[in-house]
């Protein structure tokens, strides 16, 4: 009988440790995802600011900066 109680206590301890470990992994994963999301948003905002500055320069000066390049799609004709 004592062996059964001891086994149950040991099983509960193991289960509690596994649940805690799982919760810690989940929290770490969520934290990493949030950091990456924030970094992506910051990069997007930075690109948006640069684009706005370029657009303002073009509007003010009336011409494109020399570093500006167009990327036209390639049109291939199939005959």
PDB file of N, CA and C in Angstrom:
ATOM      1  N   UNK A   1       0.831  -1.202   0.000  1.00  0.00           N
ATOM      2  CA  UNK A   1       0.000   0.000   0.000  1.00  0.00           C
ATOM      3  C   UNK A   1       0.868   1.257   0.000  1.00  0.00           C
ATOM      4  N   UNK A   2       1.938   1.266   0.858  1.00  0.00           N
ATOM      5  CA  UNK A   2       2.834   2.422   0.909  1.00  0.00           C
ATOM      6  C   UNK A   2       3.565   2.623  -0.411  1.00  0.00           C
ATOM      7  N   UNK A   3       3.870   1.494  -1.085  1.00  0.00           N
ATOM      8  CA  UNK A   3       4.537   1.599  -2.387  1.00  0.00           C
ATOM      9  C   UNK A   3       3.639   2.296  -3.399  1.00  0.00           C
ATOM     10  N   UNK A   4       2.337   2.006  -3.345  1.00  0.00           N
ATOM     11  CA  UNK A   4       1.374   2.615  -4.253  1.00  0.00           C
ATOM     12  C   UNK A   4       1.259   4.109  -3.996  1.00  0.00           C
ATOM     13  N   UNK A   5       1.202   4.501  -2.727  1.00  0.00           N
ATOM     14  CA  UNK A   5       1.116   5.921  -2.361  1.00  0.00           C
ATOM     15  C   UNK A   5       2.393   6.644  -2.791  1.00  0.00           C
ATOM     16  N   UNK A   6       3.541   6.025  -2.529  1.00  0.00           N
ATOM     17  CA  UNK A   6       4.817   6.609  -2.926  1.00  0.00           C
ATOM     18  C   UNK A   6       4.927   6.782  -4.433  1.00  0.00           C
ATOM     19  N   UNK A   7       4.430   5.807  -5.184  1.00  0.00           N
ATOM     20  CA  UNK A   7       4.457   5.881  -6.646  1.00  0.00           C
ATOM     21  C   UNK A   7       3.555   7.005  -7.144  1.00  0.00           C
ATOM     22  N   UNK A   8       2.385   7.157  -6.493  1.00  0.00           N
ATOM     23  CA  UNK A   8       1.472   8.241  -6.879  1.00  0.00           C
ATOM     24  C   UNK A   8       2.082   9.613  -6.608  1.00  0.00           C
ATOM     25  N   UNK A   9       2.741   9.746  -5.466  1.00  0.00           N
ATOM     26  CA  UNK A   9       3.380  11.019  -5.107  1.00  0.00           C
ATOM     27  C   UNK A   9       4.490  11.326  -6.111  1.00  0.00           C
ATOM     28  N   UNK A  10       5.273  10.313  -6.444  1.00  0.00           N
ATOM     29  CA  UNK A  10       6.364  10.497  -7.402  1.00  0.00           C
ATOM     30  C   UNK A  10       5.808  10.881  -8.780  1.00  0.00           C
ATOM     31  N   UNK A  11       4.722  10.220  -9.182  1.00  0.00           N
ATOM     32  CA  UNK A  11       4.095  10.515 -10.472  1.00  0.00           C
ATOM     33  C   UNK A  11       3.558  11.944 -10.500  1.00  0.00           C
ATOM     34  N   UNK A  12       2.941  12.383  -9.405  1.00  0.00           N
ATOM     35  CA  UNK A  12       2.428  13.756  -9.336  1.00  0.00           C
ATOM     36  C   UNK A  12       3.556  14.782  -9.413  1.00  0.00           C
ATOM     37  N   UNK A  13       4.685  14.486  -8.728  1.00  0.00           N
ATOM     38  CA  UNK A  13       5.843  15.380  -8.775  1.00  0.00           C
ATOM     39  C   UNK A  13       6.391  15.478 -10.201  1.00  0.00           C
ATOM     40  N   UNK A  14       6.490  14.331 -10.866  1.00  0.00           N
ATOM     41  CA  UNK A  14       6.993  14.304 -12.239  1.00  0.00           C
ATOM     42  C   UNK A  14       6.060  15.086 -13.168  1.00  0.00           C
ATOM     43  N   UNK A  15       4.758  14.916 -12.962  1.00  0.00           N
ATOM     44  CA  UNK A  15       3.770  15.615 -13.776  1.00  0.00           C
ATOM     45  C   UNK A  15       3.875  17.121 -13.558  1.00  0.00           C
ATOM     46  N   UNK A  16       4.022  17.531 -12.297  1.00  0.00           N
ATOM     47  CA  UNK A  16       4.132  18.960 -11.983  1.00  0.00           C
ATOM     48  C   UNK A  16       5.385  19.564 -12.615  1.00  0.00           C
ATOM     49  N   UNK A  17       6.496  18.829 -12.557  1.00  0.00           N
ATOM     50  CA  UNK A  17       7.742  19.324 -13.169  1.00  0.00           C
ATOM     51  C   UNK A  17       7.599  19.444 -14.686  1.00  0.00           C
ATOM     52  N   UNK A  18       6.969  18.454 -15.294  1.00  0.00           N
ATOM     53  CA  UNK A  18       6.767  18.477 -16.748  1.00  0.00           C
ATOM     54  C   UNK A  18       5.880  19.650 -17.157  1.00  0.00           C
ATOM     55  N   UNK A  19       4.821  19.895 -16.375  1.00  0.00           N
ATOM     56  CA  UNK A  19       3.927  21.020 -16.679  1.00  0.00           C
ATOM     57  C   UNK A  19       4.654  22.347 -16.525  1.00  0.00           C
ATOM     58  N   UNK A  20       5.489  22.460 -15.486  1.00  0.00           N
ATOM     59  CA  UNK A  20       6.248  23.693 -15.270  1.00  0.00           C
ATOM     60  C   UNK A  20       7.248  23.916 -16.403  1.00  0.00           C
ATOM     61  N   UNK A  21       7.916  22.861 -16.810  1.00  0.00           N
ATOM     62  CA  UNK A  21       8.886  22.954 -17.903  1.00  0.00           C
ATOM     63  C   UNK A  21       8.187  23.364 -19.197  1.00  0.00           C
ATOM     64  N   UNK A  22       7.038  22.777 -19.449  1.00  0.00           N
ATOM     65  CA  UNK A  22       6.262  23.103 -20.641  1.00  0.00           C
ATOM     66  C   UNK A  22       5.802  24.565 -20.618  1.00  0.00           C
ATOM     67  N   UNK A  23       5.338  25.020 -19.465  1.00  0.00           N
ATOM     68  CA  UNK A  23       4.898  26.414 -19.325  1.00  0.00           C
ATOM     69  C   UNK A  23       6.068  27.372 -19.543  1.00  0.00           C
ATOM     70  N   UNK A  24       7.261  27.030 -19.039  1.00  0.00           N
ATOM     71  CA  UNK A  24       8.437  27.874 -19.232  1.00  0.00           C
ATOM     72  C   UNK A  24       8.831  27.960 -20.703  1.00  0.00           C
ATOM     73  N   UNK A  25       8.761  26.827 -21.400  1.00  0.00           N
ATOM     74  CA  UNK A  25       9.086  26.810 -22.831  1.00  0.00           C
ATOM     75  C   UNK A  25       8.102  27.673 -23.611  1.00  0.00           C
ATOM     76  N   UNK A  26       6.825  27.550 -23.266  1.00  0.00           N
ATOM     77  CA  UNK A  26       5.799  28.328 -23.947  1.00  0.00           C
ATOM     78  C   UNK A  26       6.006  29.820 -23.712  1.00  0.00           C
ATOM     79  N   UNK A  27       6.314  30.197 -22.483  1.00  0.00           N
ATOM     80  CA  UNK A  27       6.555  31.605 -22.165  1.00  0.00           C
ATOM     81  C   UNK A  27       7.770  32.140 -22.922  1.00  0.00           C
ATOM     82  N   UNK A  28       8.824  31.340 -22.992  1.00  0.00           N
ATOM     83  CA  UNK A  28      10.027  31.760 -23.726  1.00  0.00           C
ATOM     84  C   UNK A  28       9.729  31.922 -25.208  1.00  0.00           C
ATOM     85  N   UNK A  29       8.967  31.008 -25.758  1.00  0.00           N
ATOM     86  CA  UNK A  29       8.598  31.084 -27.175  1.00  0.00           C
ATOM     87  C   UNK A  29       7.759  32.321 -27.458  1.00  0.00           C
ATOM     88  N   UNK A  30       6.811  32.613 -26.570  1.00  0.00           N
ATOM     89  CA  UNK A  30       5.976  33.804 -26.738  1.00  0.00           C
ATOM     90  C   UNK A  30       6.812  35.078 -26.656  1.00  0.00           C
ATOM     91  N   UNK A  31       7.773  35.107 -25.731  1.00  0.00           N
ATOM     92  CA  UNK A  31       8.646  36.273 -25.579  1.00  0.00           C
ATOM     93  C   UNK A  31       9.489  36.492 -26.838  1.00  0.00           C
ATOM     94  N   UNK A  32      10.059  35.412 -27.367  1.00  0.00           N
ATOM     95  CA  UNK A  32      10.868  35.510 -28.578  1.00  0.00           C
ATOM     96  C   UNK A  32      10.017  35.983 -29.754  1.00  0.00           C
ATOM     97  N   UNK A  33       8.816  35.453 -29.876  1.00  0.00           N
ATOM     98  CA  UNK A  33       7.915  35.856 -30.965  1.00  0.00           C
ATOM     99  C   UNK A  33       7.569  37.337 -30.854  1.00  0.00           C
ATOM    100  N   UNK A  34       7.314  37.810 -29.646  1.00  0.00           N
ATOM    101  CA  UNK A  34       6.982  39.223 -29.431  1.00  0.00           C
ATOM    102  C   UNK A  34       8.167  40.118 -29.792  1.00  0.00           C
ATOM    103  N   UNK A  35       9.375  39.693 -29.424  1.00  0.00           N
ATOM    104  CA  UNK A  35      10.573  40.471 -29.771  1.00  0.00           C
ATOM    105  C   UNK A  35      10.748  40.552 -31.280  1.00  0.00           C
ATOM    106  N   UNK A  36      10.573  39.427 -31.946  1.00  0.00           N
ATOM    107  CA  UNK A  36      10.719  39.421 -33.411  1.00  0.00           C
ATOM    108  C   UNK A  36       9.644  40.262 -34.077  1.00  0.00           C
ATOM    109  N   UNK A  37       8.436  40.198 -33.551  1.00  0.00           N
ATOM    110  CA  UNK A  37       7.342  41.011 -34.095  1.00  0.00           C
ATOM    111  C   UNK A  37       7.660  42.499 -33.935  1.00  0.00           C
ATOM    112  N   UNK A  38       8.175  42.875 -32.760  1.00  0.00           N
ATOM    113  CA  UNK A  38       8.531  44.273 -32.506  1.00  0.00           C
ATOM    114  C   UNK A  38       9.658  44.721 -33.428  1.00  0.00           C
ATOM    115  N   UNK A  39      10.651  43.865 -33.643  1.00  0.00           N
ATOM    116  CA  UNK A  39      11.751  44.211 -34.546  1.00  0.00           C
ATOM    117  C   UNK A  39      11.256  44.403 -35.975  1.00  0.00           C
ATOM    118  N   UNK A  40      10.360  43.532 -36.420  1.00  0.00           N
ATOM    119  CA  UNK A  40       9.807  43.647 -37.768  1.00  0.00           C
ATOM    120  C   UNK A  40       9.001  44.933 -37.916  1.00  0.00           C
ATOM    121  N   UNK A  41       8.228  45.267 -36.899  1.00  0.00           N
ATOM    122  CA  UNK A  41       7.431  46.493 -36.942  1.00  0.00           C
ATOM    123  C   UNK A  41       8.329  47.728 -36.964  1.00  0.00           C
ATOM    124  N   UNK A  42       9.407  47.715 -36.183  1.00  0.00           N
ATOM    125  CA  UNK A  42      10.343  48.838 -36.157  1.00  0.00           C
ATOM    126  C   UNK A  42      11.001  49.014 -37.522  1.00  0.00           C
ATOM    127  N   UNK A  43      11.384  47.903 -38.138  1.00  0.00           N
ATOM    128  CA  UNK A  43      12.017  47.965 -39.461  1.00  0.00           C
ATOM    129  C   UNK A  43      11.036  48.512 -40.495  1.00  0.00           C
ATOM    130  N   UNK A  44       9.789  48.080 -40.420  1.00  0.00           N
ATOM    131  CA  UNK A  44       8.769  48.559 -41.343  1.00  0.00           C
ATOM    132  C   UNK A  44       8.541  50.060 -41.165  1.00  0.00           C
ATOM    133  N   UNK A  45       8.487  50.519 -39.909  1.00  0.00           N
ATOM    134  CA  UNK A  45       8.316  51.943 -39.651  1.00  0.00           C
ATOM    135  C   UNK A  45       9.495  52.754 -40.180  1.00  0.00           C
ATOM    136  N   UNK A  46      10.697  52.211 -40.004  1.00  0.00           N
ATOM    137  CA  UNK A  46      11.899  52.892 -40.494  1.00  0.00           C
ATOM    138  C   UNK A  46      11.864  53.017 -42.020  1.00  0.00           C
ATOM    139  N   UNK A  47      11.457  51.943 -42.695  1.00  0.00           N
ATOM    140  CA  UNK A  47      11.354  51.982 -44.153  1.00  0.00           C
ATOM    141  C   UNK A  47      10.287  52.972 -44.593  1.00  0.00           C
ATOM    142  N   UNK A  48       9.210  53.049 -43.847  1.00  0.00           N
ATOM    143  CA  UNK A  48       8.133  53.985 -44.162  1.00  0.00           C
ATOM    144  C   UNK A  48       8.611  55.427 -44.046  1.00  0.00           C
ATOM    145  N   UNK A  49       9.385  55.710 -43.009  1.00  0.00           N
ATOM    146  CA  UNK A  49       9.922  57.061 -42.823  1.00  0.00           C
ATOM    147  C   UNK A  49      10.844  57.415 -43.986  1.00  0.00           C
ATOM    148  N   UNK A  50      11.729  56.485 -44.362  1.00  0.00           N
ATOM    149  CA  UNK A  50      12.653  56.733 -45.479  1.00  0.00           C
ATOM    150  C   UNK A  50      11.898  56.985 -46.778  1.00  0.00           C
ATOM    151  N   UNK A  51      10.848  56.217 -47.017  1.00  0.00           N
ATOM    152  CA  UNK A  51      10.048  56.388 -48.225  1.00  0.00           C
ATOM    153  C   UNK A  51       9.365  57.750 -48.225  1.00  0.00           C
ATOM    154  N   UNK A  52       8.839  58.145 -47.081  1.00  0.00           N
ATOM    155  CA  UNK A  52       8.196  59.458 -46.973  1.00  0.00           C
ATOM    156  C   UNK A  52       9.200  60.577 -47.221  1.00  0.00           C
ATOM    157  N   UNK A  53      10.406  60.430 -46.687  1.00  0.00           N
ATOM    158  CA  UNK A  53      11.440  61.446 -46.900  1.00  0.00           C
ATOM    159  C   UNK A  53      11.819  61.542 -48.375  1.00  0.00           C
ATOM    160  N   UNK A  54      11.933  60.400 -49.031  1.00  0.00           N
ATOM    161  CA  UNK A  54      12.238  60.415 -50.474  1.00  0.00           C
ATOM    162  C   UNK A  54      11.122  61.077 -51.258  1.00  0.00           C
ATOM    163  N   UNK A  55       9.879  60.751 -50.917  1.00  0.00           N
ATOM    164  CA  UNK A  55       8.737  61.343 -51.614  1.00  0.00           C
ATOM    165  C   UNK A  55       8.720  62.855 -51.407  1.00  0.00           C
ATOM    166  N   UNK A  56       8.989  63.315 -50.196  1.00  0.00           N
ATOM    167  CA  UNK A  56       9.037  64.762 -49.927  1.00  0.00           C
ATOM    168  C   UNK A  56      10.137  65.427 -50.741  1.00  0.00           C
ATOM    169  N   UNK A  57      11.312  64.785 -50.830  1.00  0.00           N
ATOM    170  CA  UNK A  57      12.417  65.334 -51.610  1.00  0.00           C
ATOM    171  C   UNK A  57      12.017  65.461 -53.078  1.00  0.00           C
ATOM    172  N   UNK A  58      11.377  64.427 -53.608  1.00  0.00           N
ATOM    173  CA  UNK A  58      10.958  64.451 -55.015  1.00  0.00           C
ATOM    174  C   UNK A  58       9.928  65.550 -55.237  1.00  0.00           C
ATOM    175  N   UNK A  59       8.994  65.707 -54.322  1.00  0.00           N
ATOM    176  CA  UNK A  59       7.982  66.765 -54.452  1.00  0.00           C
ATOM    177  C   UNK A  59       8.615  68.155 -54.392  1.00  0.00           C
ATOM    178  N   UNK A  60       9.548  68.340 -53.455  1.00  0.00           N
ATOM    179  CA  UNK A  60      10.203  69.647 -53.299  1.00  0.00           C
ATOM    180  C   UNK A  60      11.079  69.999 -54.489  1.00  0.00           C
ATOM    181  N   UNK A  61      11.918  69.056 -54.893  1.00  0.00           N
ATOM    182  CA  UNK A  61      12.909  69.359 -55.920  1.00  0.00           C
ATOM    183  C   UNK A  61      12.374  69.156 -57.325  1.00  0.00           C
ATOM    184  N   UNK A  62      11.419  68.296 -57.489  1.00  0.00           N
ATOM    185  CA  UNK A  62      10.865  68.041 -58.807  1.00  0.00           C
ATOM    186  C   UNK A  62      11.666  67.034 -59.613  1.00  0.00           C
ATOM    187  N   UNK A  63      12.703  66.450 -59.041  1.00  0.00           N
ATOM    188  CA  UNK A  63      13.452  65.418 -59.765  1.00  0.00           C
ATOM    189  C   UNK A  63      13.859  64.291 -58.819  1.00  0.00           C
ATOM    190  N   UNK A  64      14.233  63.183 -59.427  1.00  0.00           N
ATOM    191  CA  UNK A  64      14.595  61.997 -58.646  1.00  0.00           C
ATOM    192  C   UNK A  64      16.037  62.083 -58.172  1.00  0.00           C
ATOM    193  N   UNK A  65      16.325  61.621 -56.983  1.00  0.00           N
ATOM    194  CA  UNK A  65      17.722  61.585 -56.536  1.00  0.00           C
ATOM    195  C   UNK A  65      18.523  60.596 -57.387  1.00  0.00           C
ATOM    196  N   UNK A  66      19.821  60.820 -57.485  1.00  0.00           N
ATOM    197  CA  UNK A  66      20.655  59.952 -58.328  1.00  0.00           C
ATOM    198  C   UNK A  66      20.718  58.532 -57.798  1.00  0.00           C
ATOM    199  N   UNK A  67      20.529  58.355 -56.501  1.00  0.00           N
ATOM    200  CA  UNK A  67      20.587  57.013 -55.924  1.00  0.00           C
ATOM    201  C   UNK A  67      19.289  56.245 -56.103  1.00  0.00           C
ATOM    202  N   UNK A  68      18.277  56.907 -56.623  1.00  0.00           N
ATOM    203  CA  UNK A  68      16.964  56.289 -56.780  1.00  0.00           C
ATOM    204  C   UNK A  68      16.954  55.457 -58.046  1.00  0.00           C
ATOM    205  N   UNK A  69      16.447  54.256 -57.973  1.00  0.00           N
ATOM    206  CA  UNK A  69      16.379  53.414 -59.168  1.00  0.00           C
ATOM    207  C   UNK A  69      15.001  52.784 -59.274  1.00  0.00           C
ATOM    208  N   UNK A  70      14.553  52.694 -60.491  1.00  0.00           N
ATOM    209  CA  UNK A  70      13.273  52.045 -60.744  1.00  0.00           C
ATOM    210  C   UNK A  70      13.516  50.578 -61.013  1.00  0.00           C
ATOM    211  N   UNK A  71      12.605  49.776 -60.594  1.00  0.00           N
ATOM    212  CA  UNK A  71      12.682  48.359 -60.911  1.00  0.00           C
ATOM    213  C   UNK A  71      11.434  48.018 -61.714  1.00  0.00           C
ATOM    214  N   UNK A  72      11.627  47.947 -63.005  1.00  0.00           N
ATOM    215  CA  UNK A  72      10.517  47.628 -63.879  1.00  0.00           C
ATOM    216  C   UNK A  72      10.363  46.118 -63.978  1.00  0.00           C
ATOM    217  N   UNK A  73       9.132  45.659 -64.071  1.00  0.00           N
ATOM    218  CA  UNK A  73       8.947  44.221 -64.260  1.00  0.00           C
ATOM    219  C   UNK A  73       9.430  43.835 -65.658  1.00  0.00           C
ATOM    220  N   UNK A  74       9.939  42.643 -65.787  1.00  0.00           N
ATOM    221  CA  UNK A  74      10.407  42.207 -67.103  1.00  0.00           C
ATOM    222  C   UNK A  74       9.226  41.666 -67.874  1.00  0.00           C
ATOM    223  N   UNK A  75       9.118  42.136 -69.107  1.00  0.00           N
ATOM    224  CA  UNK A  75       8.053  41.660 -69.988  1.00  0.00           C
ATOM    225  C   UNK A  75       8.693  40.779 -71.041  1.00  0.00           C
ATOM    226  N   UNK A  76       8.381  39.532 -70.991  1.00  0.00           N
ATOM    227  CA  UNK A  76       8.928  38.646 -72.010  1.00  0.00           C
ATOM    228  C   UNK A  76       7.803  38.254 -72.956  1.00  0.00           C
ATOM    229  N   UNK A  77       8.067  38.430 -74.219  1.00  0.00           N
ATOM    230  CA  UNK A  77       7.060  38.112 -75.208  1.00  0.00           C
ATOM    231  C   UNK A  77       7.250  36.674 -75.675  1.00  0.00           C
ATOM    232  N   UNK A  78       6.209  35.951 -75.653  1.00  0.00           N
ATOM    233  CA  UNK A  78       6.249  34.575 -76.131  1.00  0.00           C
ATOM    234  C   UNK A  78       5.548  34.512 -77.480  1.00  0.00           C
ATOM    235  N   UNK A  79       6.293  34.254 -78.521  1.00  0.00           N
ATOM    236  CA  UNK A  79       5.709  34.190 -79.867  1.00  0.00           C
ATOM    237  C   UNK A  79       5.537  32.805 -80.294  1.00  0.00           C
TER     238      UNK A  79
END
